PDB file of N, CA and C in Angstrom:
ATOM      1  N   HIS A   1       0.944  -1.311  -0.058  1.00  0.00           N
ATOM      2  CA  HIS A   1       0.187   0.250   0.272  1.00  0.00           C
ATOM      3  C   HIS A   1       0.586   1.295   0.026  1.00  0.00           C
ATOM      4  N   PHE A   2       0.816   2.487  -0.439  1.00  0.00           N
ATOM      5  CA  PHE A   2       1.542   3.474  -0.568  1.00  0.00           C
ATOM      6  C   PHE A   2       1.602   4.214   0.368  1.00  0.00           C
ATOM      7  N   GLY A   3       0.426   4.628   1.429  1.00  0.00           N
ATOM      8  CA  GLY A   3       0.710   5.000   2.675  1.00  0.00           C
ATOM      9  C   GLY A   3       2.243   4.303   3.600  1.00  0.00           C
ATOM     10  N   SER A   4       2.105   2.938   3.875  1.00  0.00           N
ATOM     11  CA  SER A   4       2.842   2.079   4.378  1.00  0.00           C
ATOM     12  C   SER A   4       4.085   2.510   3.720  1.00  0.00           C
ATOM     13  N   GLY A   5       4.943   2.341   2.642  1.00  0.00           N
ATOM     14  CA  GLY A   5       5.969   2.902   2.047  1.00  0.00           C
ATOM     15  C   GLY A   5       6.379   4.320   2.429  1.00  0.00           C
ATOM     16  N   ALA A   6       5.501   5.074   2.574  1.00  0.00           N
ATOM     17  CA  ALA A   6       5.313   6.816   2.345  1.00  0.00           C
ATOM     18  C   ALA A   6       5.709   6.897   3.913  1.00  0.00           C
ATOM     19  N   MET A   7       5.031   6.189   5.015  1.00  0.00           N
ATOM     20  CA  MET A   7       5.071   6.390   5.997  1.00  0.00           C
ATOM     21  C   MET A   7       6.629   5.959   6.441  1.00  0.00           C
ATOM     22  N   VAL A   8       6.997   5.070   5.868  1.00  0.00           N
ATOM     23  CA  VAL A   8       8.652   4.259   5.956  1.00  0.00           C
ATOM     24  C   VAL A   8       9.470   5.306   5.926  1.00  0.00           C
ATOM     25  N   ALA A   9       9.220   5.533   4.787  1.00  0.00           N
ATOM     26  CA  ALA A   9      10.162   7.051   4.039  1.00  0.00           C
ATOM     27  C   ALA A   9      10.537   8.089   5.240  1.00  0.00           C
ATOM     28  N   ALA A  10       9.113   8.428   5.501  1.00  0.00           N
ATOM     29  CA  ALA A  10       8.873   9.707   6.534  1.00  0.00           C
ATOM     30  C   ALA A  10       9.834   9.919   7.581  1.00  0.00           C
ATOM     31  N   LEU A  11       9.305   8.669   7.858  1.00  0.00           N
ATOM     32  CA  LEU A  11       9.759   7.910   9.756  1.00  0.00           C
ATOM     33  C   LEU A  11      11.643   8.045   9.058  1.00  0.00           C
ATOM     34  N   ALA A  12      12.396   7.544   8.035  1.00  0.00           N
ATOM     35  CA  ALA A  12      13.611   7.480   7.726  1.00  0.00           C
ATOM     36  C   ALA A  12      14.139   9.035   7.746  1.00  0.00           C
ATOM     37  N   ALA A  13      13.140  10.070   7.130  1.00  0.00           N
ATOM     38  CA  ALA A  13      13.724  11.161   6.486  1.00  0.00           C
ATOM     39  C   ALA A  13      13.961  11.938   8.385  1.00  0.00           C
ATOM     40  N   ILE A  14      13.550  11.396   9.401  1.00  0.00           N
ATOM     41  CA  ILE A  14      13.374  12.023  10.517  1.00  0.00           C
ATOM     42  C   ILE A  14      14.657  11.431  11.447  1.00  0.00           C
ATOM     43  N   VAL A  15      14.970  10.394  11.145  1.00  0.00           N
ATOM     44  CA  VAL A  15      16.204   9.938  11.419  1.00  0.00           C
ATOM     45  C   VAL A  15      17.331   9.471  10.520  1.00  0.00           C
ATOM     46  N   ASP A  16      17.337   9.794   9.388  1.00  0.00           N
ATOM     47  CA  ASP A  16      18.208  10.721   8.710  1.00  0.00           C
ATOM     48  C   ASP A  16      18.599  12.197   9.183  1.00  0.00           C
ATOM     49  N   ALA A  17      17.377  13.341   9.407  1.00  0.00           N
ATOM     50  CA  ALA A  17      17.890  14.206   9.721  1.00  0.00           C
ATOM     51  C   ALA A  17      18.287  14.696  11.241  1.00  0.00           C
ATOM     52  N   ARG A  18      18.031  13.731  12.289  1.00  0.00           N
ATOM     53  CA  ARG A  18      18.454  13.859  13.673  1.00  0.00           C
ATOM     54  C   ARG A  18      20.067  13.283  13.451  1.00  0.00           C
ATOM     55  N   ALA A  19      20.001  12.759  12.550  1.00  0.00           N
ATOM     56  CA  ALA A  19      22.118  12.130  12.445  1.00  0.00           C
ATOM     57  C   ALA A  19      22.571  13.211  11.697  1.00  0.00           C
ATOM     58  N   GLY A  20      21.940  13.939  11.010  1.00  0.00           N
ATOM     59  CA  GLY A  20      22.761  15.004  10.170  1.00  0.00           C
ATOM     60  C   GLY A  20      22.505  14.970   9.036  1.00  0.00           C
ATOM     61  N   ALA A  21      22.033  13.798   8.202  1.00  0.00           N
ATOM     62  CA  ALA A  21      22.512  13.530   7.034  1.00  0.00           C
ATOM     63  C   ALA A  21      21.217  14.023   5.887  1.00  0.00           C
ATOM     64  N   LEU A  22      21.640  15.320   5.765  1.00  0.00           N
ATOM     65  CA  LEU A  22      20.694  16.234   5.168  1.00  0.00           C
ATOM     66  C   LEU A  22      19.635  15.665   3.777  1.00  0.00           C
ATOM     67  N   ASP A  23      21.000  15.553   3.162  1.00  0.00           N
ATOM     68  CA  ASP A  23      20.529  15.127   1.732  1.00  0.00           C
ATOM     69  C   ASP A  23      19.868  13.733   1.293  1.00  0.00           C
ATOM     70  N   ALA A  24      20.338  12.891   2.650  1.00  0.00           N
ATOM     71  CA  ALA A  24      19.592  11.374   2.530  1.00  0.00           C
ATOM     72  C   ALA A  24      17.875  12.136   3.026  1.00  0.00           C
ATOM     73  N   MET A  25      17.252  13.101   4.085  1.00  0.00           N
ATOM     74  CA  MET A  25      16.492  12.917   4.841  1.00  0.00           C
ATOM     75  C   MET A  25      15.589  13.771   3.370  1.00  0.00           C
ATOM     76  N   ARG A  26      16.074  14.550   2.348  1.00  0.00           N
ATOM     77  CA  ARG A  26      15.301  15.456   1.348  1.00  0.00           C
ATOM     78  C   ARG A  26      15.385  14.362   0.315  1.00  0.00           C
ATOM     79  N   GLY A  27      15.928  13.141   0.125  1.00  0.00           N
ATOM     80  CA  GLY A  27      15.829  11.794  -0.466  1.00  0.00           C
ATOM     81  C   GLY A  27      14.611  11.285  -0.438  1.00  0.00           C
ATOM     82  N   ARG A  28      14.458  10.927   0.910  1.00  0.00           N
ATOM     83  CA  ARG A  28      13.623  10.320   1.763  1.00  0.00           C
ATOM     84  C   ARG A  28      12.051  11.071   1.470  1.00  0.00           C
ATOM     85  N   LEU A  29      11.951  12.014   1.523  1.00  0.00           N
ATOM     86  CA  LEU A  29      10.661  12.993   1.131  1.00  0.00           C
ATOM     87  C   LEU A  29      10.510  13.670   0.035  1.00  0.00           C
ATOM     88  N   ARG A  30      11.332  13.231  -0.796  1.00  0.00           N
ATOM     89  CA  ARG A  30      11.440  13.155  -1.945  1.00  0.00           C
ATOM     90  C   ARG A  30      10.723  12.231  -2.945  1.00  0.00           C
ATOM     91  N   GLU A  31      10.585  11.362  -2.530  1.00  0.00           N
ATOM     92  CA  GLU A  31      10.417   9.716  -2.706  1.00  0.00           C
ATOM     93  C   GLU A  31       8.576  10.033  -1.832  1.00  0.00           C
ATOM     94  N   VAL A  32       8.363  10.534  -0.371  1.00  0.00           N
ATOM     95  CA  VAL A  32       7.002  10.806  -0.074  1.00  0.00           C
ATOM     96  C   VAL A  32       5.990  11.763  -1.579  1.00  0.00           C
ATOM     97  N   GLU A  33       6.742  12.736  -1.681  1.00  0.00           N
ATOM     98  CA  GLU A  33       6.262  13.737  -2.501  1.00  0.00           C
ATOM     99  C   GLU A  33       6.020  12.554  -3.853  1.00  0.00           C
ATOM    100  N   GLU A  34       6.787  11.676  -4.441  1.00  0.00           N
ATOM    101  CA  GLU A  34       6.635  10.755  -5.683  1.00  0.00           C
ATOM    102  C   GLU A  34       4.784  10.153  -5.572  1.00  0.00           C
ATOM    103  N   VAL A  35       4.634   9.508  -4.272  1.00  0.00           N
ATOM    104  CA  VAL A  35       3.225   8.473  -4.207  1.00  0.00           C
ATOM    105  C   VAL A  35       2.245   9.462  -3.605  1.00  0.00           C
ATOM    106  N   ALA A  36       2.614  10.975  -3.060  1.00  0.00           N
ATOM    107  CA  ALA A  36       1.418  11.507  -2.287  1.00  0.00           C
ATOM    108  C   ALA A  36      -0.108  11.395  -2.797  1.00  0.00           C
ATOM    109  N   ASP A  37       0.126  11.506  -4.269  1.00  0.00           N
ATOM    110  CA  ASP A  37      -1.561  11.729  -5.261  1.00  0.00           C
ATOM    111  C   ASP A  37      -1.958  10.371  -4.838  1.00  0.00           C
ATOM    112  N   GLY A  38      -1.223   9.432  -4.703  1.00  0.00           N
ATOM    113  CA  GLY A  38      -2.078   8.070  -4.367  1.00  0.00           C
ATOM    114  C   GLY A  38      -2.303   8.209  -2.894  1.00  0.00           C
ATOM    115  N   LEU A  39      -2.576   8.424  -1.582  1.00  0.00           N
ATOM    116  CA  LEU A  39      -2.402   8.728  -0.829  1.00  0.00           C
ATOM    117  C   LEU A  39      -4.225   9.460  -0.309  1.00  0.00           C
ATOM    118  N   THR A  40      -4.527   8.630   0.855  1.00  0.00           N
ATOM    119  CA  THR A  40      -5.928   9.285   1.143  1.00  0.00           C
ATOM    120  C   THR A  40      -5.452  10.623   1.517  1.00  0.00           C
ATOM    121  N   ARG A  41      -6.417  11.556   2.024  1.00  0.00           N
ATOM    122  CA  ARG A  41      -6.622  12.769   2.842  1.00  0.00           C
ATOM    123  C   ARG A  41      -5.850  12.548   4.163  1.00  0.00           C
ATOM    124  N   LEU A  42      -6.174  11.691   4.629  1.00  0.00           N
ATOM    125  CA  LEU A  42      -6.021  11.358   6.396  1.00  0.00           C
ATOM    126  C   LEU A  42      -4.161  10.742   6.416  1.00  0.00           C
ATOM    127  N   GLU A  43      -3.951  10.296   5.043  1.00  0.00           N
ATOM    128  CA  GLU A  43      -2.639   9.567   5.153  1.00  0.00           C
ATOM    129  C   GLU A  43      -1.749  10.670   4.161  1.00  0.00           C
ATOM    130  N   ARG A  44      -1.840  11.327   3.903  1.00  0.00           N
ATOM    131  CA  ARG A  44      -1.523  12.715   3.743  1.00  0.00           C
ATOM    132  C   ARG A  44      -0.794  13.692   5.146  1.00  0.00           C
ATOM    133  N   ALA A  45      -2.224  13.970   5.247  1.00  0.00           N
ATOM    134  CA  ALA A  45      -1.714  14.733   6.472  1.00  0.00           C
ATOM    135  C   ALA A  45      -0.840  13.987   7.772  1.00  0.00           C
ATOM    136  N   PHE A  46      -1.014  12.934   7.872  1.00  0.00           N
ATOM    137  CA  PHE A  46      -0.054  11.974   9.375  1.00  0.00           C
ATOM    138  C   PHE A  46       1.469  12.301   8.462  1.00  0.00           C
ATOM    139  N   ILE A  47       1.600  11.568   7.182  1.00  0.00           N
ATOM    140  CA  ILE A  47       2.878  11.823   6.579  1.00  0.00           C
ATOM    141  C   ILE A  47       3.330  13.025   6.421  1.00  0.00           C
ATOM    142  N   GLY A  48       2.646  14.081   5.866  1.00  0.00           N
ATOM    143  CA  GLY A  48       2.636  15.618   6.334  1.00  0.00           C
ATOM    144  C   GLY A  48       3.340  15.605   7.621  1.00  0.00           C
ATOM    145  N   TYR A  49       2.613  15.327   8.324  1.00  0.00           N
ATOM    146  CA  TYR A  49       3.272  15.542   9.656  1.00  0.00           C
ATOM    147  C   TYR A  49       4.237  15.152  10.364  1.00  0.00           C
ATOM    148  N   LEU A  50       5.058  13.797   9.771  1.00  0.00           N
ATOM    149  CA  LEU A  50       6.175  13.690  10.281  1.00  0.00           C
ATOM    150  C   LEU A  50       7.324  13.973   9.068  1.00  0.00           C
ATOM    151  N   GLY A  51       6.488  14.213   7.962  1.00  0.00           N
ATOM    152  CA  GLY A  51       7.803  15.287   7.139  1.00  0.00           C
ATOM    153  C   GLY A  51       7.950  16.604   7.713  1.00  0.00           C
ATOM    154  N   GLY A  52       7.185  17.015   8.099  1.00  0.00           N
ATOM    155  CA  GLY A  52       7.282  18.562   8.936  1.00  0.00           C
ATOM    156  C   GLY A  52       8.282  18.210   9.809  1.00  0.00           C
ATOM    157  N   ILE A  53       8.237  17.228  10.614  1.00  0.00           N
ATOM    158  CA  ILE A  53       9.124  16.629  12.087  1.00  0.00           C
ATOM    159  C   ILE A  53      10.636  16.630  11.083  1.00  0.00           C
ATOM    160  N   ALA A  54      10.548  16.023  10.258  1.00  0.00           N
ATOM    161  CA  ALA A  54      11.857  15.491   9.559  1.00  0.00           C
ATOM    162  C   ALA A  54      12.596  17.152   9.051  1.00  0.00           C
ATOM    163  N   LEU A  55      11.920  17.921   8.317  1.00  0.00           N
ATOM    164  CA  LEU A  55      12.259  19.204   7.996  1.00  0.00           C
ATOM    165  C   LEU A  55      12.987  20.074   9.026  1.00  0.00           C
ATOM    166  N   ARG A  56      11.963  19.780  10.538  1.00  0.00           N
ATOM    167  CA  ARG A  56      12.221  21.095  11.510  1.00  0.00           C
ATOM    168  C   ARG A  56      13.438  20.513  11.988  1.00  0.00           C
ATOM    169  N   GLU A  57      13.605  18.923  12.688  1.00  0.00           N
ATOM    170  CA  GLU A  57      15.033  18.169  12.887  1.00  0.00           C
ATOM    171  C   GLU A  57      15.783  18.528  12.211  1.00  0.00           C
ATOM    172  N   GLY A  58      15.777  19.316  11.050  1.00  0.00           N
ATOM    173  CA  GLY A  58      17.215  19.390   9.766  1.00  0.00           C
ATOM    174  C   GLY A  58      16.932  20.942  10.052  1.00  0.00           C
ATOM    175  N   GLY A  59      16.702  21.503  10.590  1.00  0.00           N
ATOM    176  CA  GLY A  59      16.559  23.022  10.417  1.00  0.00           C
ATOM    177  C   GLY A  59      16.253  24.085   9.427  1.00  0.00           C
ATOM    178  N   ASP A  60      15.319  23.003   8.602  1.00  0.00           N
ATOM    179  CA  ASP A  60      14.469  23.871   8.022  1.00  0.00           C
ATOM    180  C   ASP A  60      12.984  24.117   8.709  1.00  0.00           C
ATOM    181  N   VAL A  61      12.762  25.599   9.601  1.00  0.00           N
ATOM    182  CA  VAL A  61      11.971  25.551  10.184  1.00  0.00           C
ATOM    183  C   VAL A  61      10.674  26.723   9.531  1.00  0.00           C
ATOM    184  N   GLU A  62      11.521  27.028   7.877  1.00  0.00           N
ATOM    185  CA  GLU A  62      10.051  27.455   6.922  1.00  0.00           C
ATOM    186  C   GLU A  62       9.631  26.463   6.299  1.00  0.00           C
ATOM    187  N   GLY A  63      10.544  25.452   6.224  1.00  0.00           N
ATOM    188  CA  GLY A  63       9.428  24.357   5.345  1.00  0.00           C
ATOM    189  C   GLY A  63       9.231  23.220   5.860  1.00  0.00           C
ATOM    190  N   ALA A  64       9.266  23.149   7.230  1.00  0.00           N
ATOM    191  CA  ALA A  64       8.467  22.596   8.085  1.00  0.00           C
ATOM    192  C   ALA A  64       7.115  23.173   8.527  1.00  0.00           C
ATOM    193  N   ARG A  65       6.974  24.702   8.642  1.00  0.00           N
ATOM    194  CA  ARG A  65       5.992  25.518   8.883  1.00  0.00           C
ATOM    195  C   ARG A  65       5.425  25.389   7.632  1.00  0.00           C
ATOM    196  N   ARG A  66       6.032  25.310   6.229  1.00  0.00           N
ATOM    197  CA  ARG A  66       4.869  24.784   5.002  1.00  0.00           C
ATOM    198  C   ARG A  66       4.294  23.230   5.071  1.00  0.00           C
ATOM    199  N   THR A  67       4.811  22.596   5.408  1.00  0.00           N
ATOM    200  CA  THR A  67       4.467  21.102   5.697  1.00  0.00           C
ATOM    201  C   THR A  67       3.059  20.916   6.737  1.00  0.00           C
ATOM    202  N   PHE A  68       3.502  21.741   7.573  1.00  0.00           N
ATOM    203  CA  PHE A  68       2.618  21.125   8.903  1.00  0.00           C
ATOM    204  C   PHE A  68       1.091  22.038   7.943  1.00  0.00           C
ATOM    205  N   ASP A  69       1.539  23.576   7.567  1.00  0.00           N
ATOM    206  CA  ASP A  69       0.297  23.753   7.103  1.00  0.00           C
ATOM    207  C   ASP A  69      -0.608  23.003   6.037  1.00  0.00           C
ATOM    208  N   ALA A  70       0.239  22.227   4.962  1.00  0.00           N
ATOM    209  CA  ALA A  70      -0.398  21.352   3.921  1.00  0.00           C
ATOM    210  C   ALA A  70      -0.781  19.867   4.718  1.00  0.00           C
ATOM    211  N   ALA A  71      -0.885  20.176   5.867  1.00  0.00           N
ATOM    212  CA  ALA A  71      -1.208  18.352   6.060  1.00  0.00           C
ATOM    213  C   ALA A  71      -2.284  19.077   7.254  1.00  0.00           C
ATOM    214  N   VAL A  72      -2.530  19.811   8.004  1.00  0.00           N
ATOM    215  CA  VAL A  72      -3.501  20.813   8.487  1.00  0.00           C
ATOM    216  C   VAL A  72      -4.582  20.694   7.244  1.00  0.00           C
ATOM    217  N   ASP A  73      -4.147  21.397   6.387  1.00  0.00           N
ATOM    218  CA  ASP A  73      -5.262  21.020   4.946  1.00  0.00           C
ATOM    219  C   ASP A  73      -6.002  20.253   4.491  1.00  0.00           C
ATOM    220  N   SER A  74      -4.765  19.553   4.359  1.00  0.00           N
ATOM    221  CA  SER A  74      -5.429  18.052   3.954  1.00  0.00           C
ATOM    222  C   SER A  74      -6.626  17.589   4.975  1.00  0.00           C
ATOM    223  N   ALA A  75      -6.308  17.326   6.136  1.00  0.00           N
ATOM    224  CA  ALA A  75      -7.357  16.445   6.666  1.00  0.00           C
ATOM    225  C   ALA A  75      -7.268  17.113   8.512  1.00  0.00           C
ATOM    226  N   GLU A  76      -7.767  18.473   8.293  1.00  0.00           N
ATOM    227  CA  GLU A  76      -8.004  19.354   9.935  1.00  0.00           C
ATOM    228  C   GLU A  76      -8.359  18.291  10.413  1.00  0.00           C
ATOM    229  N   ASP A  77      -9.038  17.790  10.073  1.00  0.00           N
ATOM    230  CA  ASP A  77     -10.228  16.285  11.631  1.00  0.00           C
ATOM    231  C   ASP A  77      -9.736  15.192  11.787  1.00  0.00           C
ATOM    232  N   GLY A  78      -8.275  15.626  10.990  1.00  0.00           N
ATOM    233  CA  GLY A  78      -7.778  13.964  11.389  1.00  0.00           C
ATOM    234  C   GLY A  78      -6.184  14.096  12.523  1.00  0.00           C
ATOM    235  N   ILE A  79      -5.718  13.134  12.852  1.00  0.00           N
ATOM    236  CA  ILE A  79      -5.219  13.328  14.036  1.00  0.00           C
ATOM    237  C   ILE A  79      -3.950  13.926  13.639  1.00  0.00           C
ATOM    238  N   GLY A  80      -3.465  13.526  12.069  1.00  0.00           N
ATOM    239  CA  GLY A  80      -2.212  14.038  11.480  1.00  0.00           C
ATOM    240  C   GLY A  80      -2.531  15.433  11.637  1.00  0.00           C
ATOM    241  N   GLY A  81      -3.577  16.040  10.965  1.00  0.00           N
ATOM    242  CA  GLY A  81      -3.457  17.866  10.656  1.00  0.00           C
ATOM    243  C   GLY A  81      -3.643  18.245  12.349  1.00  0.00           C
ATOM    244  N   ALA A  82      -4.504  17.516  13.458  1.00  0.00           N
ATOM    245  CA  ALA A  82      -3.576  18.019  14.668  1.00  0.00           C
ATOM    246  C   ALA A  82      -3.010  18.084  15.514  1.00  0.00           C
ATOM    247  N   LEU A  83      -1.611  17.167  14.756  1.00  0.00           N
ATOM    248  CA  LEU A  83      -0.214  17.089  15.265  1.00  0.00           C
ATOM    249  C   LEU A  83       0.190  18.226  14.652  1.00  0.00           C
ATOM    250  N   ALA A  84      -0.260  18.060  13.180  1.00  0.00           N
ATOM    251  CA  ALA A  84       0.807  18.867  12.760  1.00  0.00           C
ATOM    252  C   ALA A  84      -0.059  20.390  13.253  1.00  0.00           C
ATOM    253  N   ARG A  85      -0.906  20.508  13.304  1.00  0.00           N
ATOM    254  CA  ARG A  85      -1.178  21.998  14.366  1.00  0.00           C
ATOM    255  C   ARG A  85      -0.787  22.517  15.465  1.00  0.00           C
ATOM    256  N   ARG A  86      -0.608  21.502  16.250  1.00  0.00           N
ATOM    257  CA  ARG A  86       0.378  21.145  17.173  1.00  0.00           C
ATOM    258  C   ARG A  86       1.474  21.989  17.273  1.00  0.00           C
ATOM    259  N   GLU A  87       2.266  20.917  16.320  1.00  0.00           N
ATOM    260  CA  GLU A  87       3.819  21.239  16.621  1.00  0.00           C
ATOM    261  C   GLU A  87       3.896  22.583  15.594  1.00  0.00           C
ATOM    262  N   ARG A  88       3.039  22.998  14.475  1.00  0.00           N
ATOM    263  CA  ARG A  88       3.354  24.111  13.902  1.00  0.00           C
ATOM    264  C   ARG A  88       3.148  24.837  15.185  1.00  0.00           C
ATOM    265  N   SER A  89       2.645  25.011  16.128  1.00  0.00           N
ATOM    266  CA  SER A  89       2.244  26.151  16.813  1.00  0.00           C
ATOM    267  C   SER A  89       3.527  26.133  18.131  1.00  0.00           C
ATOM    268  N   HIS A  90       4.599  25.175  18.199  1.00  0.00           N
ATOM    269  CA  HIS A  90       5.297  25.193  18.774  1.00  0.00           C
ATOM    270  C   HIS A  90       6.946  25.920  17.626  1.00  0.00           C
ATOM    271  N   LEU A  91       7.062  26.175  16.445  1.00  0.00           N
ATOM    272  CA  LEU A  91       7.686  26.974  15.750  1.00  0.00           C
ATOM    273  C   LEU A  91       7.981  28.243  16.196  1.00  0.00           C
ATOM    274  N   PRO A  92       9.657  28.440  16.055  1.00  0.00           N
ATOM    275  CA  PRO A  92       9.612  29.604  16.438  1.00  0.00           C
ATOM    276  C   PRO A  92       9.118  30.543  15.398  1.00  0.00           C
ATOM    277  N   GLY A  93       9.111  31.904  15.692  1.00  0.00           N
ATOM    278  CA  GLY A  93       8.760  32.994  14.660  1.00  0.00           C
ATOM    279  C   GLY A  93       7.536  32.903  14.806  1.00  0.00           C
TER     280      GLY A  93
END
């Protein structure tokens, strides 16, 4: 299923970001983008939340903010949207 592969890539992007492997993180996030159209809105929101975490951990606060915004827009009523909204509220600036 598309969602499971995208979730694995998003989680791996977080690990890469925390390890300082930013090129690897970006590559994983590109993998997610390639399958995003095949995801449900709830999957997109949750995986977007994870992608925002990866970007934040990698130091890209503005990218994280945009990604969290997109996750909320995808499914404000779902857990991914709620988590993204919470994380976005904790970003500096």
